[in-house]
């Protein structure tokens, strides 16, 4: 279980990305029933550290703060051409060696890469810096088009807001869907975007349409997940041809209708497993999977665990 979280920064810090980590792990929201963490920020040289936004932050702790961290968070690393202090790389390796996990946001992936923690593993970063990461570290399989990926002890995420998705993914793994969803509501962000979702939309948005054009349909889908929902039926409801609907859906959401629907059904299944006494068969029907075997298949493929094991880990009945 993640109890102690330490964000590590260099001789310059990206304020927004550090703020993401602070929002998720650094605030006490126990009044809302959310977990609290022992949170700190550290640096190789503590003191006043400039940000990319023109102000400085005071960092109180040195690298010794990493000694008992359960999670080491690395915000964007602005000075990619500056050498990383050897003591910092050693401290990061030591932390992982005793079982700590590493979460990186944006170019923060360059730090565990420099420490050799991503050798032979998959990783991502902001798409603008993916080629640079791959050139510097050919031993890493760089995934430039996804939001986040977890491989071994490192969970790396793409630029800016993808860090929120990665943090919520980690909260979901540690505390379950209900906690992740409650935190997402506090942050006013989507509760879950799959790590394999595209970082950015390749096609430009037509000026005459808005990203909210499918909002009513998406709300309707969420209220009827127990029904058989085909692309053809959803396209008809949106007054589009199936091909046009599938294209517009991916343009506006970054994923396909099938993948979006599957993730929402898995989310509902998680919540039902956590908060109700329904059997796995009933959960499967309520979430739109039809039967327990189909639910087990998708749950194992996407969550890496059986529904019954998930319930044992995250059950939240009074």
C-alpha atoms as a PDB file:
ATOM      1  CA  UNK A   1       0.000   0.000   0.000  1.00  0.00           C
ATOM      2  CA  UNK A   2       1.242   3.476  -0.843  1.00  0.00           C
ATOM      3  CA  UNK A   3       1.659   5.530   2.338  1.00  0.00           C
ATOM      4  CA  UNK A   4       4.725   7.700   1.822  1.00  0.00           C
ATOM      5  CA  UNK A   5       4.960   9.690  -1.421  1.00  0.00           C
ATOM      6  CA  UNK A   6       7.977  11.815  -2.309  1.00  0.00           C
ATOM      7  CA  UNK A   7       8.175  14.059  -5.371  1.00  0.00           C
ATOM      8  CA  UNK A   8      11.739  14.621  -6.523  1.00  0.00           C
ATOM      9  CA  UNK A   9      12.742  17.703  -8.529  1.00  0.00           C
ATOM     10  CA  UNK A  10      15.925  18.908 -10.182  1.00  0.00           C
ATOM     11  CA  UNK A  11      17.478  22.358 -10.333  1.00  0.00           C
ATOM     12  CA  UNK A  12      14.323  23.598 -12.081  1.00  0.00           C
ATOM     13  CA  UNK A  13      10.777  22.366 -11.688  1.00  0.00           C
ATOM     14  CA  UNK A  14       7.697  22.366 -13.925  1.00  0.00           C
ATOM     15  CA  UNK A  15       5.045  23.951 -11.739  1.00  0.00           C
ATOM     16  CA  UNK A  16       1.982  22.406 -13.371  1.00  0.00           C
ATOM     17  CA  UNK A  17       3.285  18.842 -13.335  1.00  0.00           C
ATOM     18  CA  UNK A  18       4.442  19.175  -9.725  1.00  0.00           C
ATOM     19  CA  UNK A  19       1.002  20.585  -8.929  1.00  0.00           C
ATOM     20  CA  UNK A  20      -0.650  17.453 -10.340  1.00  0.00           C
ATOM     21  CA  UNK A  21       1.297  15.247  -7.962  1.00  0.00           C
ATOM     22  CA  UNK A  22       0.545  17.600  -5.057  1.00  0.00           C
ATOM     23  CA  UNK A  23      -3.178  17.612  -5.835  1.00  0.00           C
ATOM     24  CA  UNK A  24      -3.448  13.828  -5.902  1.00  0.00           C
ATOM     25  CA  UNK A  25      -1.073  12.835  -3.106  1.00  0.00           C
ATOM     26  CA  UNK A  26      -0.339  15.991  -1.105  1.00  0.00           C
ATOM     27  CA  UNK A  27      -3.744  17.139   0.151  1.00  0.00           C
ATOM     28  CA  UNK A  28      -5.654  15.806   3.142  1.00  0.00           C
ATOM     29  CA  UNK A  29      -9.120  14.841   1.903  1.00  0.00           C
ATOM     30  CA  UNK A  30     -10.008  12.480   4.729  1.00  0.00           C
ATOM     31  CA  UNK A  31     -13.174  14.519   5.350  1.00  0.00           C
ATOM     32  CA  UNK A  32     -14.356  13.154   1.991  1.00  0.00           C
ATOM     33  CA  UNK A  33     -13.374   9.614   2.914  1.00  0.00           C
ATOM     34  CA  UNK A  34     -10.288   9.691   0.685  1.00  0.00           C
ATOM     35  CA  UNK A  35      -6.879   8.304   1.669  1.00  0.00           C
ATOM     36  CA  UNK A  36      -4.176  10.585   3.014  1.00  0.00           C
ATOM     37  CA  UNK A  37      -0.470  10.223   2.249  1.00  0.00           C
ATOM     38  CA  UNK A  38       2.706  11.291   3.963  1.00  0.00           C
ATOM     39  CA  UNK A  39       3.823  13.640   1.197  1.00  0.00           C
ATOM     40  CA  UNK A  40       7.043  15.592   0.682  1.00  0.00           C
ATOM     41  CA  UNK A  41       9.120  17.212  -2.057  1.00  0.00           C
ATOM     42  CA  UNK A  42      12.859  16.666  -2.187  1.00  0.00           C
ATOM     43  CA  UNK A  43      15.843  17.656  -4.308  1.00  0.00           C
ATOM     44  CA  UNK A  44      19.543  16.891  -4.557  1.00  0.00           C
ATOM     45  CA  UNK A  45      20.145  20.465  -3.387  1.00  0.00           C
ATOM     46  CA  UNK A  46      17.252  21.704  -1.227  1.00  0.00           C
ATOM     47  CA  UNK A  47      16.335  25.373  -1.065  1.00  0.00           C
ATOM     48  CA  UNK A  48      14.711  27.835  -3.462  1.00  0.00           C
ATOM     49  CA  UNK A  49      14.253  26.125  -6.850  1.00  0.00           C
ATOM     50  CA  UNK A  50      13.021  28.118  -9.848  1.00  0.00           C
ATOM     51  CA  UNK A  51      10.008  26.949 -11.808  1.00  0.00           C
ATOM     52  CA  UNK A  52       9.348  27.164 -15.520  1.00  0.00           C
ATOM     53  CA  UNK A  53       6.572  29.643 -14.693  1.00  0.00           C
ATOM     54  CA  UNK A  54       8.770  32.406 -13.291  1.00  0.00           C
ATOM     55  CA  UNK A  55       8.526  31.851  -9.547  1.00  0.00           C
ATOM     56  CA  UNK A  56      10.461  29.688  -7.116  1.00  0.00           C
ATOM     57  CA  UNK A  57       9.405  26.923  -4.728  1.00  0.00           C
ATOM     58  CA  UNK A  58      11.123  26.205  -1.438  1.00  0.00           C
ATOM     59  CA  UNK A  59      12.166  22.563  -1.186  1.00  0.00           C
ATOM     60  CA  UNK A  60      12.913  21.560   2.369  1.00  0.00           C
ATOM     61  CA  UNK A  61      14.095  17.975   2.018  1.00  0.00           C
ATOM     62  CA  UNK A  62      17.214  16.378   0.540  1.00  0.00           C
ATOM     63  CA  UNK A  63      17.592  12.961  -1.062  1.00  0.00           C
ATOM     64  CA  UNK A  64      17.503  11.220   2.316  1.00  0.00           C
ATOM     65  CA  UNK A  65      13.707  11.684   2.143  1.00  0.00           C
ATOM     66  CA  UNK A  66      13.642   8.972  -0.550  1.00  0.00           C
ATOM     67  CA  UNK A  67      14.919   6.366   1.894  1.00  0.00           C
ATOM     68  CA  UNK A  68      11.448   5.261   3.034  1.00  0.00           C
ATOM     69  CA  UNK A  69       9.268   6.385   0.110  1.00  0.00           C
ATOM     70  CA  UNK A  70       6.684   3.920  -1.192  1.00  0.00           C
ATOM     71  CA  UNK A  71       6.208   6.023  -4.309  1.00  0.00           C
ATOM     72  CA  UNK A  72       8.703   8.353  -5.949  1.00  0.00           C
ATOM     73  CA  UNK A  73       6.964  10.868  -8.218  1.00  0.00           C
ATOM     74  CA  UNK A  74       8.994  12.652 -10.885  1.00  0.00           C
ATOM     75  CA  UNK A  75       7.302  15.702 -12.452  1.00  0.00           C
ATOM     76  CA  UNK A  76       8.437  16.998 -15.832  1.00  0.00           C
ATOM     77  CA  UNK A  77      12.221  17.384 -15.961  1.00  0.00           C
ATOM     78  CA  UNK A  78      12.801  20.733 -17.733  1.00  0.00           C
ATOM     79  CA  UNK A  79      16.587  20.693 -18.192  1.00  0.00           C
ATOM     80  CA  UNK A  80      17.064  17.580 -20.262  1.00  0.00           C
ATOM     81  CA  UNK A  81      20.557  18.578 -21.378  1.00  0.00           C
ATOM     82  CA  UNK A  82      21.910  19.063 -17.857  1.00  0.00           C
ATOM     83  CA  UNK A  83      23.609  16.063 -16.222  1.00  0.00           C
ATOM     84  CA  UNK A  84      21.627  14.361 -13.496  1.00  0.00           C
ATOM     85  CA  UNK A  85      23.483  14.328 -10.155  1.00  0.00           C
ATOM     86  CA  UNK A  86      24.945  10.877  -9.497  1.00  0.00           C
ATOM     87  CA  UNK A  87      23.612  10.819  -5.896  1.00  0.00           C
ATOM     88  CA  UNK A  88      20.079  11.343  -7.218  1.00  0.00           C
ATOM     89  CA  UNK A  89      20.379   8.428  -9.650  1.00  0.00           C
ATOM     90  CA  UNK A  90      21.796   6.243  -6.879  1.00  0.00           C
ATOM     91  CA  UNK A  91      19.012   7.215  -4.472  1.00  0.00           C
ATOM     92  CA  UNK A  92      16.378   6.416  -7.086  1.00  0.00           C
ATOM     93  CA  UNK A  93      17.923   3.005  -7.773  1.00  0.00           C
ATOM     94  CA  UNK A  94      18.098   2.288  -4.043  1.00  0.00           C
ATOM     95  CA  UNK A  95      14.439   3.221  -3.599  1.00  0.00           C
ATOM     96  CA  UNK A  96      13.330   0.867  -6.370  1.00  0.00           C
ATOM     97  CA  UNK A  97      15.693  -1.814  -5.084  1.00  0.00           C
ATOM     98  CA  UNK A  98      13.859  -1.959  -1.765  1.00  0.00           C
ATOM     99  CA  UNK A  99      10.437  -2.026  -3.428  1.00  0.00           C
ATOM    100  CA  UNK A 100       9.385   1.575  -4.123  1.00  0.00           C
ATOM    101  CA  UNK A 101       7.444   2.428  -7.263  1.00  0.00           C
ATOM    102  CA  UNK A 102       8.168   5.335  -9.580  1.00  0.00           C
ATOM    103  CA  UNK A 103       5.571   7.581 -11.243  1.00  0.00           C
ATOM    104  CA  UNK A 104       6.726   9.973 -13.951  1.00  0.00           C
ATOM    105  CA  UNK A 105       4.861  12.849 -15.555  1.00  0.00           C
ATOM    106  CA  UNK A 106       5.825  14.163 -19.000  1.00  0.00           C
ATOM    107  CA  UNK A 107       9.625  14.370 -19.372  1.00  0.00           C
ATOM    108  CA  UNK A 108      10.049  12.997 -15.868  1.00  0.00           C
ATOM    109  CA  UNK A 109      10.590   9.664 -17.646  1.00  0.00           C
ATOM    110  CA  UNK A 110      14.107  10.812 -18.514  1.00  0.00           C
ATOM    111  CA  UNK A 111      15.153  10.432 -14.858  1.00  0.00           C
ATOM    112  CA  UNK A 112      14.445   6.684 -14.372  1.00  0.00           C
ATOM    113  CA  UNK A 113      15.748   6.207 -17.906  1.00  0.00           C
ATOM    114  CA  UNK A 114      19.066   7.765 -16.893  1.00  0.00           C
ATOM    115  CA  UNK A 115      19.101   5.535 -13.819  1.00  0.00           C
ATOM    116  CA  UNK A 116      18.714   2.432 -15.988  1.00  0.00           C
ATOM    117  CA  UNK A 117      15.355   1.564 -14.441  1.00  0.00           C
ATOM    118  CA  UNK A 118      13.618   1.442 -17.815  1.00  0.00           C
ATOM    119  CA  UNK A 119      16.140  -0.761 -19.608  1.00  0.00           C
ATOM    120  CA  UNK A 120      14.265  -3.466 -21.484  1.00  0.00           C
ATOM    121  CA  UNK A 121      10.917  -1.955 -20.522  1.00  0.00           C
ATOM    122  CA  UNK A 122       8.137   0.077 -22.120  1.00  0.00           C
ATOM    123  CA  UNK A 123       7.751   3.768 -21.320  1.00  0.00           C
ATOM    124  CA  UNK A 124       6.125   6.920 -22.595  1.00  0.00           C
ATOM    125  CA  UNK A 125       6.625  10.660 -22.326  1.00  0.00           C
ATOM    126  CA  UNK A 126       5.237  13.774 -23.976  1.00  0.00           C
ATOM    127  CA  UNK A 127       4.978  13.035 -27.672  1.00  0.00           C
ATOM    128  CA  UNK A 128       7.242  15.984 -28.499  1.00  0.00           C
ATOM    129  CA  UNK A 129      10.111  14.333 -26.589  1.00  0.00           C
ATOM    130  CA  UNK A 130       9.456  10.671 -27.428  1.00  0.00           C
ATOM    131  CA  UNK A 131      12.023  10.572 -30.242  1.00  0.00           C
ATOM    132  CA  UNK A 132      14.658  12.125 -27.995  1.00  0.00           C
ATOM    133  CA  UNK A 133      13.988   9.560 -25.269  1.00  0.00           C
ATOM    134  CA  UNK A 134      14.264   6.742 -27.809  1.00  0.00           C
ATOM    135  CA  UNK A 135      17.521   8.101 -29.268  1.00  0.00           C
ATOM    136  CA  UNK A 136      19.156   8.577 -25.895  1.00  0.00           C
ATOM    137  CA  UNK A 137      17.982   5.248 -24.542  1.00  0.00           C
ATOM    138  CA  UNK A 138      17.581   2.714 -27.365  1.00  0.00           C
ATOM    139  CA  UNK A 139      17.259  -0.036 -24.775  1.00  0.00           C
ATOM    140  CA  UNK A 140      13.791   1.345 -23.894  1.00  0.00           C
ATOM    141  CA  UNK A 141      10.673   0.579 -25.930  1.00  0.00           C
ATOM    142  CA  UNK A 142       9.236   4.084 -26.181  1.00  0.00           C
ATOM    143  CA  UNK A 143       5.472   4.274 -26.772  1.00  0.00           C
ATOM    144  CA  UNK A 144       4.952   7.790 -28.157  1.00  0.00           C
ATOM    145  CA  UNK A 145       1.209   7.671 -28.748  1.00  0.00           C
ATOM    146  CA  UNK A 146      -0.306   6.592 -25.436  1.00  0.00           C
ATOM    147  CA  UNK A 147      -1.319   8.335 -22.216  1.00  0.00           C
ATOM    148  CA  UNK A 148       0.537   6.143 -19.737  1.00  0.00           C
ATOM    149  CA  UNK A 149       2.108   2.715 -19.396  1.00  0.00           C
ATOM    150  CA  UNK A 150       3.210   0.664 -16.397  1.00  0.00           C
ATOM    151  CA  UNK A 151       6.112  -1.736 -16.802  1.00  0.00           C
ATOM    152  CA  UNK A 152       7.804  -3.147 -13.746  1.00  0.00           C
ATOM    153  CA  UNK A 153       8.271  -0.561 -10.990  1.00  0.00           C
ATOM    154  CA  UNK A 154       7.789   2.470 -13.263  1.00  0.00           C
ATOM    155  CA  UNK A 155       4.493   4.038 -14.340  1.00  0.00           C
ATOM    156  CA  UNK A 156       5.297   6.660 -16.976  1.00  0.00           C
ATOM    157  CA  UNK A 157       2.823   9.129 -18.429  1.00  0.00           C
ATOM    158  CA  UNK A 158       2.635  11.555 -21.292  1.00  0.00           C
ATOM    159  CA  UNK A 159       2.540  15.335 -21.083  1.00  0.00           C
ATOM    160  CA  UNK A 160       0.584  17.564 -18.731  1.00  0.00           C
ATOM    161  CA  UNK A 161      -2.941  16.246 -18.050  1.00  0.00           C
ATOM    162  CA  UNK A 162      -1.944  12.645 -18.816  1.00  0.00           C
ATOM    163  CA  UNK A 163      -0.203  12.785 -15.452  1.00  0.00           C
ATOM    164  CA  UNK A 164      -3.616  13.090 -13.801  1.00  0.00           C
ATOM    165  CA  UNK A 165      -4.761   9.973 -15.659  1.00  0.00           C
ATOM    166  CA  UNK A 166      -1.699   8.057 -14.474  1.00  0.00           C
ATOM    167  CA  UNK A 167      -2.192   9.195 -10.877  1.00  0.00           C
ATOM    168  CA  UNK A 168      -5.843   8.137 -10.926  1.00  0.00           C
ATOM    169  CA  UNK A 169      -4.831   4.812 -12.476  1.00  0.00           C
ATOM    170  CA  UNK A 170      -2.478   4.257  -9.563  1.00  0.00           C
ATOM    171  CA  UNK A 171      -5.133   5.275  -7.023  1.00  0.00           C
ATOM    172  CA  UNK A 172      -7.542   2.851  -8.694  1.00  0.00           C
ATOM    173  CA  UNK A 173      -5.025   0.015  -8.413  1.00  0.00           C
ATOM    174  CA  UNK A 174      -4.266   0.789  -4.774  1.00  0.00           C
ATOM    175  CA  UNK A 175      -7.691   1.701  -3.394  1.00  0.00           C
ATOM    176  CA  UNK A 176     -10.292   0.617  -5.958  1.00  0.00           C
ATOM    177  CA  UNK A 177     -12.645   2.257  -8.415  1.00  0.00           C
ATOM    178  CA  UNK A 178     -14.876   4.001  -5.865  1.00  0.00           C
ATOM    179  CA  UNK A 179     -11.952   5.899  -4.349  1.00  0.00           C
ATOM    180  CA  UNK A 180     -10.519   6.798  -7.758  1.00  0.00           C
ATOM    181  CA  UNK A 181     -13.918   8.000  -8.947  1.00  0.00           C
ATOM    182  CA  UNK A 182     -14.465  10.081  -5.807  1.00  0.00           C
ATOM    183  CA  UNK A 183     -11.060  11.721  -6.211  1.00  0.00           C
ATOM    184  CA  UNK A 184     -11.747  12.367  -9.893  1.00  0.00           C
ATOM    185  CA  UNK A 185     -14.954  14.165  -8.942  1.00  0.00           C
ATOM    186  CA  UNK A 186     -12.984  16.380  -6.566  1.00  0.00           C
ATOM    187  CA  UNK A 187     -10.493  17.140  -9.335  1.00  0.00           C
ATOM    188  CA  UNK A 188     -13.327  17.640 -11.874  1.00  0.00           C
ATOM    189  CA  UNK A 189     -11.724  15.296 -14.393  1.00  0.00           C
ATOM    190  CA  UNK A 190     -12.805  12.058 -16.102  1.00  0.00           C
ATOM    191  CA  UNK A 191     -12.593   9.144 -13.678  1.00  0.00           C
ATOM    192  CA  UNK A 192     -10.680   6.930 -16.066  1.00  0.00           C
ATOM    193  CA  UNK A 193      -8.954   7.175 -19.404  1.00  0.00           C
ATOM    194  CA  UNK A 194      -7.243   3.978 -20.520  1.00  0.00           C
ATOM    195  CA  UNK A 195      -3.469   4.146 -20.754  1.00  0.00           C
ATOM    196  CA  UNK A 196      -3.517   3.036 -24.372  1.00  0.00           C
ATOM    197  CA  UNK A 197      -5.691   5.960 -25.411  1.00  0.00           C
ATOM    198  CA  UNK A 198      -4.095   8.374 -27.867  1.00  0.00           C
ATOM    199  CA  UNK A 199      -2.112  11.317 -26.448  1.00  0.00           C
ATOM    200  CA  UNK A 200      -3.587  13.789 -28.883  1.00  0.00           C
ATOM    201  CA  UNK A 201      -6.114  13.954 -31.708  1.00  0.00           C
ATOM    202  CA  UNK A 202      -4.385  13.812 -35.076  1.00  0.00           C
ATOM    203  CA  UNK A 203      -7.276  15.204 -37.090  1.00  0.00           C
ATOM    204  CA  UNK A 204      -8.140  18.891 -36.530  1.00  0.00           C
ATOM    205  CA  UNK A 205     -11.536  19.658 -35.071  1.00  0.00           C
ATOM    206  CA  UNK A 206     -13.970  20.960 -37.678  1.00  0.00           C
ATOM    207  CA  UNK A 207     -14.929  24.509 -36.690  1.00  0.00           C
ATOM    208  CA  UNK A 208     -18.633  23.888 -37.082  1.00  0.00           C
ATOM    209  CA  UNK A 209     -18.666  21.054 -34.550  1.00  0.00           C
ATOM    210  CA  UNK A 210     -17.721  21.033 -30.881  1.00  0.00           C
ATOM    211  CA  UNK A 211     -16.223  18.345 -28.595  1.00  0.00           C
ATOM    212  CA  UNK A 212     -19.559  18.244 -26.783  1.00  0.00           C
ATOM    213  CA  UNK A 213     -21.619  17.067 -29.724  1.00  0.00           C
ATOM    214  CA  UNK A 214     -21.797  13.507 -28.349  1.00  0.00           C
ATOM    215  CA  UNK A 215     -22.295  14.497 -24.709  1.00  0.00           C
ATOM    216  CA  UNK A 216     -26.013  13.656 -24.640  1.00  0.00           C
ATOM    217  CA  UNK A 217     -25.388  10.294 -26.283  1.00  0.00           C
ATOM    218  CA  UNK A 218     -22.550   9.435 -23.880  1.00  0.00           C
ATOM    219  CA  UNK A 219     -24.768  10.259 -20.903  1.00  0.00           C
ATOM    220  CA  UNK A 220     -27.470   8.005 -22.377  1.00  0.00           C
ATOM    221  CA  UNK A 221     -24.975   5.156 -22.832  1.00  0.00           C
ATOM    222  CA  UNK A 222     -23.846   5.419 -19.206  1.00  0.00           C
ATOM    223  CA  UNK A 223     -27.454   5.102 -18.083  1.00  0.00           C
ATOM    224  CA  UNK A 224     -28.052   2.015 -20.253  1.00  0.00           C
ATOM    225  CA  UNK A 225     -24.853  -0.018 -19.993  1.00  0.00           C
ATOM    226  CA  UNK A 226     -26.874  -3.163 -19.310  1.00  0.00           C
ATOM    227  CA  UNK A 227     -28.298  -3.083 -22.830  1.00  0.00           C
ATOM    228  CA  UNK A 228     -26.733  -4.537 -25.994  1.00  0.00           C
ATOM    229  CA  UNK A 229     -25.114  -1.458 -27.553  1.00  0.00           C
ATOM    230  CA  UNK A 230     -23.820  -1.817 -31.085  1.00  0.00           C
ATOM    231  CA  UNK A 231     -22.064   0.803 -33.173  1.00  0.00           C
ATOM    232  CA  UNK A 232     -24.965   0.646 -35.610  1.00  0.00           C
ATOM    233  CA  UNK A 233     -27.544   1.347 -32.887  1.00  0.00           C
ATOM    234  CA  UNK A 234     -25.505   4.174 -31.368  1.00  0.00           C
ATOM    235  CA  UNK A 235     -24.888   5.690 -34.790  1.00  0.00           C
ATOM    236  CA  UNK A 236     -28.618   5.677 -35.496  1.00  0.00           C
ATOM    237  CA  UNK A 237     -29.270   7.379 -32.171  1.00  0.00           C
ATOM    238  CA  UNK A 238     -26.687  10.037 -33.112  1.00  0.00           C
ATOM    239  CA  UNK A 239     -28.258  10.423 -36.576  1.00  0.00           C
ATOM    240  CA  UNK A 240     -25.039   9.366 -38.335  1.00  0.00           C
ATOM    241  CA  UNK A 241     -23.951   6.486 -40.510  1.00  0.00           C
ATOM    242  CA  UNK A 242     -21.946   3.846 -38.607  1.00  0.00           C
ATOM    243  CA  UNK A 243     -18.733   4.806 -40.427  1.00  0.00           C
ATOM    244  CA  UNK A 244     -19.174   8.524 -39.770  1.00  0.00           C
ATOM    245  CA  UNK A 245     -20.104   7.853 -36.148  1.00  0.00           C
ATOM    246  CA  UNK A 246     -17.040   5.685 -35.519  1.00  0.00           C
ATOM    247  CA  UNK A 247     -14.786   8.319 -37.099  1.00  0.00           C
ATOM    248  CA  UNK A 248     -16.338  11.218 -35.160  1.00  0.00           C
ATOM    249  CA  UNK A 249     -16.275   9.242 -31.922  1.00  0.00           C
ATOM    250  CA  UNK A 250     -12.561   8.562 -32.168  1.00  0.00           C
ATOM    251  CA  UNK A 251     -11.851  12.156 -33.171  1.00  0.00           C
ATOM    252  CA  UNK A 252     -13.697  13.516 -30.143  1.00  0.00           C
ATOM    253  CA  UNK A 253     -12.731  10.946 -27.506  1.00  0.00           C
ATOM    254  CA  UNK A 254      -9.372   9.626 -28.710  1.00  0.00           C
ATOM    255  CA  UNK A 255     -10.571   6.013 -28.716  1.00  0.00           C
ATOM    256  CA  UNK A 256     -13.016   3.730 -30.500  1.00  0.00           C
ATOM    257  CA  UNK A 257     -16.660   3.248 -29.450  1.00  0.00           C
ATOM    258  CA  UNK A 258     -15.913  -0.371 -28.538  1.00  0.00           C
ATOM    259  CA  UNK A 259     -12.963   0.472 -26.277  1.00  0.00           C
ATOM    260  CA  UNK A 260     -14.775   3.398 -24.648  1.00  0.00           C
ATOM    261  CA  UNK A 261     -17.822   1.236 -23.944  1.00  0.00           C
ATOM    262  CA  UNK A 262     -15.705  -1.631 -22.604  1.00  0.00           C
ATOM    263  CA  UNK A 263     -13.905   0.661 -20.155  1.00  0.00           C
ATOM    264  CA  UNK A 264     -17.178   2.132 -18.883  1.00  0.00           C
ATOM    265  CA  UNK A 265     -18.616  -1.343 -18.380  1.00  0.00           C
ATOM    266  CA  UNK A 266     -15.510  -2.419 -16.502  1.00  0.00           C
ATOM    267  CA  UNK A 267     -15.780   0.699 -14.328  1.00  0.00           C
ATOM    268  CA  UNK A 268     -19.377  -0.119 -13.481  1.00  0.00           C
ATOM    269  CA  UNK A 269     -18.446  -3.731 -12.733  1.00  0.00           C
ATOM    270  CA  UNK A 270     -15.701  -2.530 -10.388  1.00  0.00           C
ATOM    271  CA  UNK A 271     -18.104  -0.278  -8.501  1.00  0.00           C
ATOM    272  CA  UNK A 272     -20.694  -3.049  -8.188  1.00  0.00           C
ATOM    273  CA  UNK A 273     -18.070  -5.507  -6.936  1.00  0.00           C
ATOM    274  CA  UNK A 274     -16.885  -2.970  -4.372  1.00  0.00           C
ATOM    275  CA  UNK A 275     -20.197  -1.673  -3.094  1.00  0.00           C
ATOM    276  CA  UNK A 276     -22.874  -4.394  -3.510  1.00  0.00           C
ATOM    277  CA  UNK A 277     -23.552  -8.038  -2.595  1.00  0.00           C
ATOM    278  CA  UNK A 278     -24.440  -8.920  -6.192  1.00  0.00           C
ATOM    279  CA  UNK A 279     -22.941 -12.146  -7.442  1.00  0.00           C
ATOM    280  CA  UNK A 280     -20.514 -12.113 -10.353  1.00  0.00           C
ATOM    281  CA  UNK A 281     -23.264 -13.263 -12.747  1.00  0.00           C
ATOM    282  CA  UNK A 282     -25.543 -10.402 -11.676  1.00  0.00           C
ATOM    283  CA  UNK A 283     -22.705  -7.895 -11.908  1.00  0.00           C
ATOM    284  CA  UNK A 284     -21.968  -9.107 -15.427  1.00  0.00           C
ATOM    285  CA  UNK A 285     -25.583  -8.580 -16.478  1.00  0.00           C
ATOM    286  CA  UNK A 286     -25.870  -5.136 -14.841  1.00  0.00           C
ATOM    287  CA  UNK A 287     -22.631  -4.001 -16.483  1.00  0.00           C
ATOM    288  CA  UNK A 288     -23.654  -5.232 -19.928  1.00  0.00           C
ATOM    289  CA  UNK A 289     -21.330  -8.226 -20.289  1.00  0.00           C
ATOM    290  CA  UNK A 290     -24.190 -10.697 -20.535  1.00  0.00           C
ATOM    291  CA  UNK A 291     -22.577 -13.425 -18.451  1.00  0.00           C
ATOM    292  CA  UNK A 292     -19.864 -14.093 -15.908  1.00  0.00           C
ATOM    293  CA  UNK A 293     -17.478 -15.759 -18.364  1.00  0.00           C
ATOM    294  CA  UNK A 294     -17.363 -12.667 -20.564  1.00  0.00           C
ATOM    295  CA  UNK A 295     -16.844 -10.424 -17.539  1.00  0.00           C
ATOM    296  CA  UNK A 296     -14.021 -12.648 -16.254  1.00  0.00           C
ATOM    297  CA  UNK A 297     -12.338 -12.602 -19.657  1.00  0.00           C
ATOM    298  CA  UNK A 298     -12.342  -8.831 -20.014  1.00  0.00           C
ATOM    299  CA  UNK A 299     -11.560  -8.234 -16.348  1.00  0.00           C
ATOM    300  CA  UNK A 300      -8.502 -10.462 -16.523  1.00  0.00           C
ATOM    301  CA  UNK A 301      -7.358  -8.982 -19.834  1.00  0.00           C
ATOM    302  CA  UNK A 302      -7.740  -5.332 -18.812  1.00  0.00           C
ATOM    303  CA  UNK A 303      -7.299  -5.394 -15.021  1.00  0.00           C
ATOM    304  CA  UNK A 304      -5.040  -8.408 -14.601  1.00  0.00           C
ATOM    305  CA  UNK A 305      -7.189  -9.986 -11.904  1.00  0.00           C
ATOM    306  CA  UNK A 306     -10.383 -12.021 -11.591  1.00  0.00           C
ATOM    307  CA  UNK A 307     -13.594 -10.247 -10.470  1.00  0.00           C
ATOM    308  CA  UNK A 308     -13.744 -12.286  -7.258  1.00  0.00           C
ATOM    309  CA  UNK A 309     -10.158 -11.395  -6.365  1.00  0.00           C
ATOM    310  CA  UNK A 310     -10.882  -7.732  -7.086  1.00  0.00           C
ATOM    311  CA  UNK A 311     -13.880  -7.843  -4.741  1.00  0.00           C
ATOM    312  CA  UNK A 312     -11.815  -9.362  -1.949  1.00  0.00           C
ATOM    313  CA  UNK A 313      -9.210  -6.613  -2.319  1.00  0.00           C
ATOM    314  CA  UNK A 314     -11.525  -3.609  -2.621  1.00  0.00           C
ATOM    315  CA  UNK A 315     -14.853  -4.550  -1.038  1.00  0.00           C
ATOM    316  CA  UNK A 316     -16.384  -1.448   0.610  1.00  0.00           C
ATOM    317  CA  UNK A 317     -19.628  -2.622   2.151  1.00  0.00           C
ATOM    318  CA  UNK A 318     -20.444  -1.028   5.536  1.00  0.00           C
END
